[in-house]
Amino acid sequence: MTTESEENQGDEMEATTSKGSLSEIAAARTQKQPGSNALGVGLEARGVHAWFGEKHALANVSLDFWPGTVTALIGPSGCGKSTFIRTLNRMHEFIPTAAMAGEVLLNGEDIYAAGVDVTKIRLKVGMVFQKPNPFPSMTIAENVLAGLKLAQLKIENKDDLLEECLERAGLWAEVKDRLNTHGGALSGGQQQRLCIARALAVRPQVLLMDEPCSALDPGSTLRIEETISQLSSSVTIVIVTHNMQQAARVSDYTAFFLSDGGPGQMIEVGSTNDIFSRPKDERTENYVTGRFG
C-alpha cells in the first residue's frame, strides 16, 4: 500500500519533471529496434477487452511486445494498465466475475484458445508483482527453485541454476553465503530481486512487472532497474510504472493508457524517446508533463 509520504514524493517528482528532461533521459538510452533479436515471434495483444462483472474496465487494446525489448505502460491510476498486464498471462481470470475478449498471441498462438495449458503459459510469461512476495516458510534457495517444483520440471544441476538466476537478478553477491536463510529475512529490495530470480528459474520468454519498485527505496529501485536492463537482452519485459523518469530510464517503448470516464484504453504507443519528446496526442503530452494524473 502506498503511504501518504510516498504519494507526496511522487507528486513532487511529477511537478518537477519536464518533457525536456524526460526526453533527455530517454534519448541517452540506446534504443533497441523491433525484432532485432531472434528470440521468437514475441507477445502480441489483439483487440483486448476486460470486464469485472458489468464494469467494462479495458477497451480494444492492441499492442506488440518485441523480443528483447522493454515496454513501459504508463497512465493515471484506474486506467487499466494492471488489468491489461494481467490479461497477458491469464492472471485476469483469477478474479471472480472477470472476463476478457480479444486475443493474446505468444509465438503466434492464442494463449486463450481452447485446450491451452494455462500452467505452461505462466511458465513462459512470468510475473513480478508490486509487493515482493517470497514464500515466507522457504529459504532463499528454495524460493528460487519453487517454480520448478510446482511445475514438476527436472534439471540436472540445481546449484548452477540457483547461482545463475540469483546472478541475473543482481542478488548472488549479497546472498551466496546465506542461501539457507529464509527469504522473508531479506530487505524489501532484496526480496523483490529474489522474486525476479524465482521467475527466471523456469526460463520465461516474457517477464511482466507490475510496479515492481513502487514500495522500494531509491537504492533498491536503482538495482531493480539495472537488473531490468541486463535481463532485457534475453527476456521481453513489460513494466507498469507511475514513475515517468523510470519509464524514460528503462524502456525502449512506452504505451500511454487513459480512461477518460469510460473503460481504459491505449491512447498512444511509440518509442520512449518519441513519447516523451514529441507525443502525437495532446493528452499524452499533458500527462508526461505533469498537467494531470
C-alpha atoms as a PDB file:
ATOM      1  CA  MET A   1       0.000   0.000   0.000  1.00  0.00           C
ATOM      2  CA  THR A   2       1.377   3.431  -0.918  1.00  0.00           C
ATOM      3  CA  THR A   3       1.884   5.787   2.031  1.00  0.00           C
ATOM      4  CA  GLU A   4       0.945   9.469   2.053  1.00  0.00           C
ATOM      5  CA  SER A   5       4.614  10.457   2.082  1.00  0.00           C
ATOM      6  CA  GLU A   6       5.299   8.249  -0.958  1.00  0.00           C
ATOM      7  CA  GLU A   7       2.347   9.817  -2.761  1.00  0.00           C
ATOM      8  CA  ASN A   8       3.678  13.279  -1.916  1.00  0.00           C
ATOM      9  CA  GLN A   9       7.122  12.300  -3.204  1.00  0.00           C
ATOM     10  CA  GLY A  10       5.509  11.081  -6.407  1.00  0.00           C
ATOM     11  CA  ASP A  11       3.560  14.327  -6.746  1.00  0.00           C
ATOM     12  CA  GLU A  12       6.730  16.343  -6.233  1.00  0.00           C
ATOM     13  CA  MET A  13       8.544  14.262  -8.823  1.00  0.00           C
ATOM     14  CA  GLU A  14       5.801  14.779 -11.389  1.00  0.00           C
ATOM     15  CA  ALA A  15       5.671  18.501 -10.667  1.00  0.00           C
ATOM     16  CA  THR A  16       9.393  18.950 -11.239  1.00  0.00           C
ATOM     17  CA  THR A  17       9.656  16.676 -14.271  1.00  0.00           C
ATOM     18  CA  SER A  18       9.644  18.437 -17.614  1.00  0.00           C
ATOM     19  CA  LYS A  19       9.119  16.940 -21.023  1.00  0.00           C
ATOM     20  CA  GLY A  20      12.635  18.054 -21.913  1.00  0.00           C
ATOM     21  CA  SER A  21      14.293  16.264 -19.010  1.00  0.00           C
ATOM     22  CA  LEU A  22      12.354  13.056 -19.693  1.00  0.00           C
ATOM     23  CA  SER A  23      13.249  13.088 -23.373  1.00  0.00           C
ATOM     24  CA  GLU A  24      16.899  13.683 -22.476  1.00  0.00           C
ATOM     25  CA  ILE A  25      16.839  10.662 -20.147  1.00  0.00           C
ATOM     26  CA  ALA A  26      15.171   8.530 -22.837  1.00  0.00           C
ATOM     27  CA  ALA A  27      17.497   9.763 -25.581  1.00  0.00           C
ATOM     28  CA  ALA A  28      20.547   8.798 -23.514  1.00  0.00           C
ATOM     29  CA  ARG A  29      19.460   5.167 -23.626  1.00  0.00           C
ATOM     30  CA  THR A  30      20.370   3.073 -26.673  1.00  0.00           C
ATOM     31  CA  GLN A  31      17.042   2.084 -28.200  1.00  0.00           C
ATOM     32  CA  LYS A  32      16.589  -1.433 -29.494  1.00  0.00           C
ATOM     33  CA  GLN A  33      14.870  -1.836 -32.821  1.00  0.00           C
ATOM     34  CA  PRO A  34      11.785  -4.057 -33.243  1.00  0.00           C
ATOM     35  CA  GLY A  35      12.689  -7.658 -33.763  1.00  0.00           C
ATOM     36  CA  SER A  36      16.429  -7.025 -33.597  1.00  0.00           C
ATOM     37  CA  ASN A  37      16.927 -10.169 -31.507  1.00  0.00           C
ATOM     38  CA  ALA A  38      15.885 -13.545 -32.887  1.00  0.00           C
ATOM     39  CA  LEU A  39      14.009 -14.648 -29.780  1.00  0.00           C
ATOM     40  CA  GLY A  40      10.768 -15.760 -31.395  1.00  0.00           C
ATOM     41  CA  VAL A  41       7.650 -14.043 -32.683  1.00  0.00           C
ATOM     42  CA  GLY A  42       7.063 -12.417 -29.312  1.00  0.00           C
ATOM     43  CA  LEU A  43       3.931 -11.355 -27.459  1.00  0.00           C
ATOM     44  CA  GLU A  44       1.005  -9.649 -29.192  1.00  0.00           C
ATOM     45  CA  ALA A  45      -2.291  -8.322 -27.857  1.00  0.00           C
ATOM     46  CA  ARG A  46      -5.118  -8.036 -30.392  1.00  0.00           C
ATOM     47  CA  GLY A  47      -8.306  -6.136 -29.560  1.00  0.00           C
ATOM     48  CA  VAL A  48      -8.187  -6.962 -25.843  1.00  0.00           C
ATOM     49  CA  HIS A  49     -11.216  -6.017 -23.708  1.00  0.00           C
ATOM     50  CA  ALA A  50     -11.604  -6.748 -19.990  1.00  0.00           C
ATOM     51  CA  TRP A  51     -14.544  -6.678 -17.611  1.00  0.00           C
ATOM     52  CA  PHE A  52     -15.177  -7.060 -13.898  1.00  0.00           C
ATOM     53  CA  GLY A  53     -18.789  -8.123 -13.758  1.00  0.00           C
ATOM     54  CA  GLU A  54     -20.676  -5.486 -15.768  1.00  0.00           C
ATOM     55  CA  LYS A  55     -17.880  -2.928 -15.493  1.00  0.00           C
ATOM     56  CA  HIS A  56     -16.034  -2.564 -18.780  1.00  0.00           C
ATOM     57  CA  ALA A  57     -12.501  -1.906 -17.481  1.00  0.00           C
ATOM     58  CA  LEU A  58     -10.446  -2.043 -20.667  1.00  0.00           C
ATOM     59  CA  ALA A  59     -11.394  -1.478 -24.297  1.00  0.00           C
ATOM     60  CA  ASN A  60      -9.837  -2.659 -27.543  1.00  0.00           C
ATOM     61  CA  VAL A  61      -6.112  -2.651 -26.758  1.00  0.00           C
ATOM     62  CA  SER A  62      -3.755  -3.911 -29.459  1.00  0.00           C
ATOM     63  CA  LEU A  63      -0.057  -3.864 -28.699  1.00  0.00           C
ATOM     64  CA  ASP A  64       3.090  -5.718 -29.787  1.00  0.00           C
ATOM     65  CA  PHE A  65       5.922  -6.519 -27.403  1.00  0.00           C
ATOM     66  CA  TRP A  66       9.063  -7.009 -29.406  1.00  0.00           C
ATOM     67  CA  PRO A  67      11.521  -9.725 -28.363  1.00  0.00           C
ATOM     68  CA  GLY A  68      14.431  -8.460 -26.311  1.00  0.00           C
ATOM     69  CA  THR A  69      12.919  -5.048 -25.519  1.00  0.00           C
ATOM     70  CA  VAL A  70      11.372  -3.277 -22.530  1.00  0.00           C
ATOM     71  CA  THR A  71       7.913  -1.712 -22.895  1.00  0.00           C
ATOM     72  CA  ALA A  72       6.590   0.638 -20.199  1.00  0.00           C
ATOM     73  CA  LEU A  73       2.860   1.074 -19.607  1.00  0.00           C
ATOM     74  CA  ILE A  74       2.083   4.493 -18.127  1.00  0.00           C
ATOM     75  CA  GLY A  75      -1.068   6.403 -17.233  1.00  0.00           C
ATOM     76  CA  PRO A  76      -3.115   7.567 -14.238  1.00  0.00           C
ATOM     77  CA  SER A  77      -4.450   5.178 -11.618  1.00  0.00           C
ATOM     78  CA  GLY A  78      -7.551   3.305 -12.746  1.00  0.00           C
ATOM     79  CA  CYS A  79      -6.843   3.433 -16.470  1.00  0.00           C
ATOM     80  CA  GLY A  80      -6.439  -0.326 -16.909  1.00  0.00           C
ATOM     81  CA  LYS A  81      -2.661  -0.789 -17.012  1.00  0.00           C
ATOM     82  CA  SER A  82      -2.538  -3.511 -14.362  1.00  0.00           C
ATOM     83  CA  THR A  83      -5.709  -5.114 -15.705  1.00  0.00           C
ATOM     84  CA  PHE A  84      -4.135  -5.255 -19.154  1.00  0.00           C
ATOM     85  CA  ILE A  85      -0.839  -6.735 -17.988  1.00  0.00           C
ATOM     86  CA  ARG A  86      -2.754  -9.477 -16.152  1.00  0.00           C
ATOM     87  CA  THR A  87      -4.524 -10.494 -19.358  1.00  0.00           C
ATOM     88  CA  LEU A  88      -1.114 -11.217 -20.888  1.00  0.00           C
ATOM     89  CA  ASN A  89      -0.597 -14.401 -18.863  1.00  0.00           C
ATOM     90  CA  ARG A  90      -4.226 -15.140 -17.964  1.00  0.00           C
ATOM     91  CA  MET A  91      -3.978 -13.916 -14.382  1.00  0.00           C
ATOM     92  CA  HIS A  92      -7.031 -11.739 -15.035  1.00  0.00           C
ATOM     93  CA  GLU A  93      -9.218 -14.831 -14.884  1.00  0.00           C
ATOM     94  CA  PHE A  94      -8.217 -15.431 -11.244  1.00  0.00           C
ATOM     95  CA  ILE A  95     -10.508 -12.562 -10.233  1.00  0.00           C
ATOM     96  CA  PRO A  96     -14.173 -13.506  -9.615  1.00  0.00           C
ATOM     97  CA  THR A  97     -16.562 -12.069 -12.271  1.00  0.00           C
ATOM     98  CA  ALA A  98     -13.613 -11.182 -14.532  1.00  0.00           C
ATOM     99  CA  ALA A  99     -13.943 -11.706 -18.275  1.00  0.00           C
ATOM    100  CA  MET A 100     -11.993 -10.772 -21.388  1.00  0.00           C
ATOM    101  CA  ALA A 101     -12.340 -10.701 -25.153  1.00  0.00           C
ATOM    102  CA  GLY A 102      -9.761 -10.489 -27.899  1.00  0.00           C
ATOM    103  CA  GLU A 103      -6.564 -12.428 -28.487  1.00  0.00           C
ATOM    104  CA  VAL A 104      -3.183 -12.633 -26.799  1.00  0.00           C
ATOM    105  CA  LEU A 105      -0.668 -14.339 -29.055  1.00  0.00           C
ATOM    106  CA  LEU A 106       2.578 -15.866 -27.849  1.00  0.00           C
ATOM    107  CA  ASN A 107       4.800 -17.041 -30.673  1.00  0.00           C
ATOM    108  CA  GLY A 108       1.772 -16.721 -32.956  1.00  0.00           C
ATOM    109  CA  GLU A 109      -0.563 -18.895 -30.857  1.00  0.00           C
ATOM    110  CA  ASP A 110      -3.538 -17.588 -28.857  1.00  0.00           C
ATOM    111  CA  ILE A 111      -2.985 -18.279 -25.159  1.00  0.00           C
ATOM    112  CA  TYR A 112      -6.787 -18.195 -24.625  1.00  0.00           C
ATOM    113  CA  ALA A 113      -7.521 -20.853 -27.243  1.00  0.00           C
ATOM    114  CA  ALA A 114      -9.407 -23.958 -26.142  1.00  0.00           C
ATOM    115  CA  GLY A 115      -7.150 -26.663 -24.755  1.00  0.00           C
ATOM    116  CA  VAL A 116      -4.225 -24.374 -23.920  1.00  0.00           C
ATOM    117  CA  ASP A 117      -2.427 -25.389 -20.712  1.00  0.00           C
ATOM    118  CA  VAL A 118      -2.586 -22.280 -18.500  1.00  0.00           C
ATOM    119  CA  THR A 119       0.263 -23.505 -16.300  1.00  0.00           C
ATOM    120  CA  LYS A 120       2.604 -23.716 -19.284  1.00  0.00           C
ATOM    121  CA  ILE A 121       1.601 -20.222 -20.384  1.00  0.00           C
ATOM    122  CA  ARG A 122       2.532 -18.809 -16.985  1.00  0.00           C
ATOM    123  CA  LEU A 123       5.903 -20.542 -17.181  1.00  0.00           C
ATOM    124  CA  LYS A 124       6.584 -18.730 -20.444  1.00  0.00           C
ATOM    125  CA  VAL A 125       5.086 -15.407 -19.329  1.00  0.00           C
ATOM    126  CA  GLY A 126       6.256 -14.760 -15.775  1.00  0.00           C
ATOM    127  CA  MET A 127       5.031 -12.088 -13.369  1.00  0.00           C
ATOM    128  CA  VAL A 128       6.617  -9.887 -10.705  1.00  0.00           C
ATOM    129  CA  PHE A 129       4.150  -8.031  -8.507  1.00  0.00           C
ATOM    130  CA  GLN A 130       4.105  -4.631  -6.849  1.00  0.00           C
ATOM    131  CA  LYS A 131       4.722  -6.045  -3.381  1.00  0.00           C
ATOM    132  CA  PRO A 132       7.537  -8.595  -3.014  1.00  0.00           C
ATOM    133  CA  ASN A 133       6.010 -11.981  -2.251  1.00  0.00           C
ATOM    134  CA  PRO A 134       8.687 -14.550  -1.371  1.00  0.00           C
ATOM    135  CA  PHE A 135       7.344 -17.703   0.213  1.00  0.00           C
ATOM    136  CA  PRO A 136       7.882 -16.990   3.932  1.00  0.00           C
ATOM    137  CA  SER A 137       8.442 -20.602   5.017  1.00  0.00           C
ATOM    138  CA  MET A 138      11.091 -21.242   2.342  1.00  0.00           C
ATOM    139  CA  THR A 139      14.789 -20.440   2.305  1.00  0.00           C
ATOM    140  CA  ILE A 140      16.338 -18.186  -0.324  1.00  0.00           C
ATOM    141  CA  ALA A 141      17.403 -21.227  -2.332  1.00  0.00           C
ATOM    142  CA  GLU A 142      14.006 -22.907  -2.023  1.00  0.00           C
ATOM    143  CA  ASN A 143      12.262 -19.717  -3.142  1.00  0.00           C
ATOM    144  CA  VAL A 144      14.301 -19.510  -6.337  1.00  0.00           C
ATOM    145  CA  LEU A 145      13.615 -23.132  -7.234  1.00  0.00           C
ATOM    146  CA  ALA A 146       9.971 -23.176  -6.112  1.00  0.00           C
ATOM    147  CA  GLY A 147       8.580 -22.748  -9.625  1.00  0.00           C
ATOM    148  CA  LEU A 148      10.452 -25.795 -10.862  1.00  0.00           C
ATOM    149  CA  LYS A 149       8.947 -27.901  -8.095  1.00  0.00           C
ATOM    150  CA  LEU A 150       5.417 -26.632  -8.694  1.00  0.00           C
ATOM    151  CA  ALA A 151       5.720 -27.223 -12.443  1.00  0.00           C
ATOM    152  CA  GLN A 152       7.396 -30.601 -11.880  1.00  0.00           C
ATOM    153  CA  LEU A 153      10.359 -29.595 -14.017  1.00  0.00           C
ATOM    154  CA  LYS A 154      13.571 -31.571 -13.611  1.00  0.00           C
ATOM    155  CA  ILE A 155      17.046 -30.137 -14.096  1.00  0.00           C
ATOM    156  CA  GLU A 156      20.468 -31.725 -13.820  1.00  0.00           C
ATOM    157  CA  ASN A 157      22.271 -29.181 -11.650  1.00  0.00           C
ATOM    158  CA  LYS A 158      20.109 -27.096  -9.323  1.00  0.00           C
ATOM    159  CA  ASP A 159      23.138 -25.386  -7.784  1.00  0.00           C
ATOM    160  CA  ASP A 160      24.221 -23.968 -11.141  1.00  0.00           C
ATOM    161  CA  LEU A 161      20.698 -22.781 -11.915  1.00  0.00           C
ATOM    162  CA  LEU A 162      20.371 -21.224  -8.471  1.00  0.00           C
ATOM    163  CA  GLU A 163      23.564 -19.226  -8.910  1.00  0.00           C
ATOM    164  CA  GLU A 164      22.666 -18.242 -12.474  1.00  0.00           C
ATOM    165  CA  CYS A 165      19.212 -16.902 -11.540  1.00  0.00           C
ATOM    166  CA  LEU A 166      20.427 -15.017  -8.488  1.00  0.00           C
ATOM    167  CA  GLU A 167      23.269 -13.578 -10.560  1.00  0.00           C
ATOM    168  CA  ARG A 168      20.887 -12.460 -13.308  1.00  0.00           C
ATOM    169  CA  ALA A 169      18.633 -10.879 -10.679  1.00  0.00           C
ATOM    170  CA  GLY A 170      21.601  -8.982  -9.242  1.00  0.00           C
ATOM    171  CA  LEU A 171      21.406 -10.753  -5.879  1.00  0.00           C
ATOM    172  CA  TRP A 172      24.032 -13.507  -5.883  1.00  0.00           C
ATOM    173  CA  ALA A 173      26.868 -11.493  -4.329  1.00  0.00           C
ATOM    174  CA  GLU A 174      24.612 -10.407  -1.448  1.00  0.00           C
ATOM    175  CA  VAL A 175      23.157 -13.812  -0.528  1.00  0.00           C
ATOM    176  CA  LYS A 176      25.592 -16.506  -1.707  1.00  0.00           C
ATOM    177  CA  ASP A 177      26.752 -17.162   1.867  1.00  0.00           C
ATOM    178  CA  ARG A 178      23.242 -17.420   3.346  1.00  0.00           C
ATOM    179  CA  LEU A 179      21.188 -19.397   0.856  1.00  0.00           C
ATOM    180  CA  ASN A 180      19.577 -21.346   3.700  1.00  0.00           C
ATOM    181  CA  THR A 181      18.245 -18.169   5.338  1.00  0.00           C
ATOM    182  CA  HIS A 182      14.507 -17.601   4.971  1.00  0.00           C
ATOM    183  CA  GLY A 183      13.560 -15.259   2.124  1.00  0.00           C
ATOM    184  CA  GLY A 184      11.489 -13.097   4.447  1.00  0.00           C
ATOM    185  CA  ALA A 185      14.683 -12.056   6.279  1.00  0.00           C
ATOM    186  CA  LEU A 186      15.877 -10.070   3.262  1.00  0.00           C
ATOM    187  CA  SER A 187      15.260  -6.355   2.776  1.00  0.00           C
ATOM    188  CA  GLY A 188      12.350  -5.243   0.589  1.00  0.00           C
ATOM    189  CA  GLY A 189      14.567  -4.612  -2.420  1.00  0.00           C
ATOM    190  CA  GLN A 190      16.345  -7.927  -1.984  1.00  0.00           C
ATOM    191  CA  GLN A 191      13.010  -9.723  -1.681  1.00  0.00           C
ATOM    192  CA  GLN A 192      11.889  -8.193  -4.974  1.00  0.00           C
ATOM    193  CA  ARG A 193      15.065  -9.347  -6.698  1.00  0.00           C
ATOM    194  CA  LEU A 194      14.536 -12.776  -5.135  1.00  0.00           C
ATOM    195  CA  CYS A 195      11.096 -12.856  -6.754  1.00  0.00           C
ATOM    196  CA  ILE A 196      12.698 -11.933 -10.082  1.00  0.00           C
ATOM    197  CA  ALA A 197      15.198 -14.785  -9.657  1.00  0.00           C
ATOM    198  CA  ARG A 198      12.301 -17.151  -8.878  1.00  0.00           C
ATOM    199  CA  ALA A 199      10.526 -16.067 -12.069  1.00  0.00           C
ATOM    200  CA  LEU A 200      13.705 -16.558 -14.128  1.00  0.00           C
ATOM    201  CA  ALA A 201      14.292 -20.124 -12.907  1.00  0.00           C
ATOM    202  CA  VAL A 202      11.592 -21.534 -15.197  1.00  0.00           C
ATOM    203  CA  ARG A 203      13.131 -19.819 -18.267  1.00  0.00           C
ATOM    204  CA  PRO A 204      10.324 -17.399 -19.197  1.00  0.00           C
ATOM    205  CA  GLN A 205      10.206 -15.773 -22.596  1.00  0.00           C
ATOM    206  CA  VAL A 206       8.395 -12.724 -21.222  1.00  0.00           C
ATOM    207  CA  LEU A 207       8.549 -11.092 -17.785  1.00  0.00           C
ATOM    208  CA  LEU A 208       5.625  -8.899 -16.682  1.00  0.00           C
ATOM    209  CA  MET A 209       6.381  -6.405 -13.911  1.00  0.00           C
ATOM    210  CA  ASP A 210       3.511  -4.574 -12.198  1.00  0.00           C
ATOM    211  CA  GLU A 211       5.011  -1.504 -10.497  1.00  0.00           C
ATOM    212  CA  PRO A 212       7.923  -3.555  -9.130  1.00  0.00           C
ATOM    213  CA  CYS A 213       9.633  -0.566  -7.479  1.00  0.00           C
ATOM    214  CA  SER A 214       6.703   1.359  -6.008  1.00  0.00           C
ATOM    215  CA  ALA A 215       7.344   0.075  -2.461  1.00  0.00           C
ATOM    216  CA  LEU A 216      11.144   0.341  -2.632  1.00  0.00           C
ATOM    217  CA  ASP A 217      13.710   2.958  -1.620  1.00  0.00           C
ATOM    218  CA  PRO A 218      15.762   4.762  -4.324  1.00  0.00           C
ATOM    219  CA  GLY A 219      18.789   2.491  -3.887  1.00  0.00           C
ATOM    220  CA  SER A 220      16.734  -0.681  -4.310  1.00  0.00           C
ATOM    221  CA  THR A 221      14.907   0.887  -7.242  1.00  0.00           C
ATOM    222  CA  LEU A 222      18.234   1.557  -8.965  1.00  0.00           C
ATOM    223  CA  ARG A 223      19.283  -2.078  -8.522  1.00  0.00           C
ATOM    224  CA  ILE A 224      15.979  -3.324  -9.945  1.00  0.00           C
ATOM    225  CA  GLU A 225      16.378  -1.005 -12.935  1.00  0.00           C
ATOM    226  CA  GLU A 226      19.913  -2.308 -13.511  1.00  0.00           C
ATOM    227  CA  THR A 227      18.513  -5.838 -13.381  1.00  0.00           C
ATOM    228  CA  ILE A 228      15.822  -4.942 -15.939  1.00  0.00           C
ATOM    229  CA  SER A 229      18.469  -3.522 -18.263  1.00  0.00           C
ATOM    230  CA  GLN A 230      20.594  -6.660 -18.026  1.00  0.00           C
ATOM    231  CA  LEU A 231      17.674  -9.051 -18.458  1.00  0.00           C
ATOM    232  CA  SER A 232      16.203  -7.286 -21.485  1.00  0.00           C
ATOM    233  CA  SER A 233      18.813  -8.745 -23.835  1.00  0.00           C
ATOM    234  CA  SER A 234      17.292 -12.196 -23.365  1.00  0.00           C
ATOM    235  CA  VAL A 235      13.798 -11.655 -21.912  1.00  0.00           C
ATOM    236  CA  THR A 236      10.980  -9.474 -23.239  1.00  0.00           C
ATOM    237  CA  ILE A 237       9.937  -7.183 -20.388  1.00  0.00           C
ATOM    238  CA  VAL A 238       6.654  -5.312 -19.866  1.00  0.00           C
ATOM    239  CA  ILE A 239       6.603  -2.931 -16.907  1.00  0.00           C
ATOM    240  CA  VAL A 240       3.734  -0.931 -15.417  1.00  0.00           C
ATOM    241  CA  THR A 241       5.065   2.208 -13.749  1.00  0.00           C
ATOM    242  CA  HIS A 242       3.789   5.526 -12.404  1.00  0.00           C
ATOM    243  CA  ASN A 243       7.337   6.877 -12.379  1.00  0.00           C
ATOM    244  CA  MET A 244       7.887   8.792 -15.623  1.00  0.00           C
ATOM    245  CA  GLN A 245      11.623   9.010 -15.064  1.00  0.00           C
ATOM    246  CA  GLN A 246      11.779   5.259 -14.551  1.00  0.00           C
ATOM    247  CA  ALA A 247       9.940   4.684 -17.821  1.00  0.00           C
ATOM    248  CA  ALA A 248      12.400   7.001 -19.554  1.00  0.00           C
ATOM    249  CA  ARG A 249      15.385   5.221 -17.994  1.00  0.00           C
ATOM    250  CA  VAL A 250      14.498   1.584 -18.583  1.00  0.00           C
ATOM    251  CA  SER A 251      12.144   1.248 -21.557  1.00  0.00           C
ATOM    252  CA  ASP A 252      12.555   1.117 -25.313  1.00  0.00           C
ATOM    253  CA  TYR A 253       8.832   1.634 -25.964  1.00  0.00           C
ATOM    254  CA  THR A 254       6.114   3.335 -23.955  1.00  0.00           C
ATOM    255  CA  ALA A 255       2.324   2.990 -24.160  1.00  0.00           C
ATOM    256  CA  PHE A 256       0.061   5.601 -22.573  1.00  0.00           C
ATOM    257  CA  PHE A 257      -3.275   4.471 -21.117  1.00  0.00           C
ATOM    258  CA  LEU A 258      -6.226   6.670 -20.112  1.00  0.00           C
ATOM    259  CA  SER A 259      -9.818   6.055 -19.062  1.00  0.00           C
ATOM    260  CA  ASP A 260     -11.465   9.470 -19.748  1.00  0.00           C
ATOM    261  CA  GLY A 261     -14.502   8.416 -17.710  1.00  0.00           C
ATOM    262  CA  GLY A 262     -15.068   5.204 -19.677  1.00  0.00           C
ATOM    263  CA  PRO A 263     -13.143   1.955 -19.977  1.00  0.00           C
ATOM    264  CA  GLY A 264      -9.383   2.228 -20.036  1.00  0.00           C
ATOM    265  CA  GLN A 265      -7.848   2.427 -23.474  1.00  0.00           C
ATOM    266  CA  MET A 266      -4.431   2.823 -25.004  1.00  0.00           C
ATOM    267  CA  ILE A 267      -4.116   6.375 -26.316  1.00  0.00           C
ATOM    268  CA  GLU A 268      -0.699   6.172 -27.901  1.00  0.00           C
ATOM    269  CA  VAL A 269       2.373   3.943 -28.206  1.00  0.00           C
ATOM    270  CA  GLY A 270       5.789   4.691 -29.630  1.00  0.00           C
ATOM    271  CA  SER A 271       9.479   4.726 -28.860  1.00  0.00           C
ATOM    272  CA  THR A 272      10.037   6.063 -25.367  1.00  0.00           C
ATOM    273  CA  ASN A 273      12.013   8.978 -26.751  1.00  0.00           C
ATOM    274  CA  ASP A 274       9.126   9.927 -29.047  1.00  0.00           C
ATOM    275  CA  ILE A 275       6.506   9.619 -26.296  1.00  0.00           C
ATOM    276  CA  PHE A 276       8.474  11.942 -24.026  1.00  0.00           C
ATOM    277  CA  SER A 277       9.717  14.408 -26.636  1.00  0.00           C
ATOM    278  CA  ARG A 278       7.120  14.537 -29.417  1.00  0.00           C
ATOM    279  CA  PRO A 279       3.893  12.690 -28.491  1.00  0.00           C
ATOM    280  CA  LYS A 280       1.200  12.697 -31.164  1.00  0.00           C
ATOM    281  CA  ASP A 281      -1.767  13.080 -28.807  1.00  0.00           C
ATOM    282  CA  GLU A 282      -2.255  16.189 -26.662  1.00  0.00           C
ATOM    283  CA  ARG A 283      -3.490  14.027 -23.776  1.00  0.00           C
ATOM    284  CA  THR A 284      -0.183  12.152 -23.753  1.00  0.00           C
ATOM    285  CA  GLU A 285       1.765  15.391 -23.629  1.00  0.00           C
ATOM    286  CA  ASN A 286      -0.394  16.707 -20.808  1.00  0.00           C
ATOM    287  CA  TYR A 287       0.265  13.561 -18.787  1.00  0.00           C
ATOM    288  CA  VAL A 288       4.024  13.257 -19.319  1.00  0.00           C
ATOM    289  CA  THR A 289       4.497  16.945 -18.486  1.00  0.00           C
ATOM    290  CA  GLY A 290       2.554  16.574 -15.232  1.00  0.00           C
ATOM    291  CA  ARG A 291      -0.507  18.641 -16.146  1.00  0.00           C
ATOM    292  CA  PHE A 292      -2.759  15.874 -14.886  1.00  0.00           C
ATOM    293  CA  GLY A 293      -2.573  12.366 -13.447  1.00  0.00           C
END
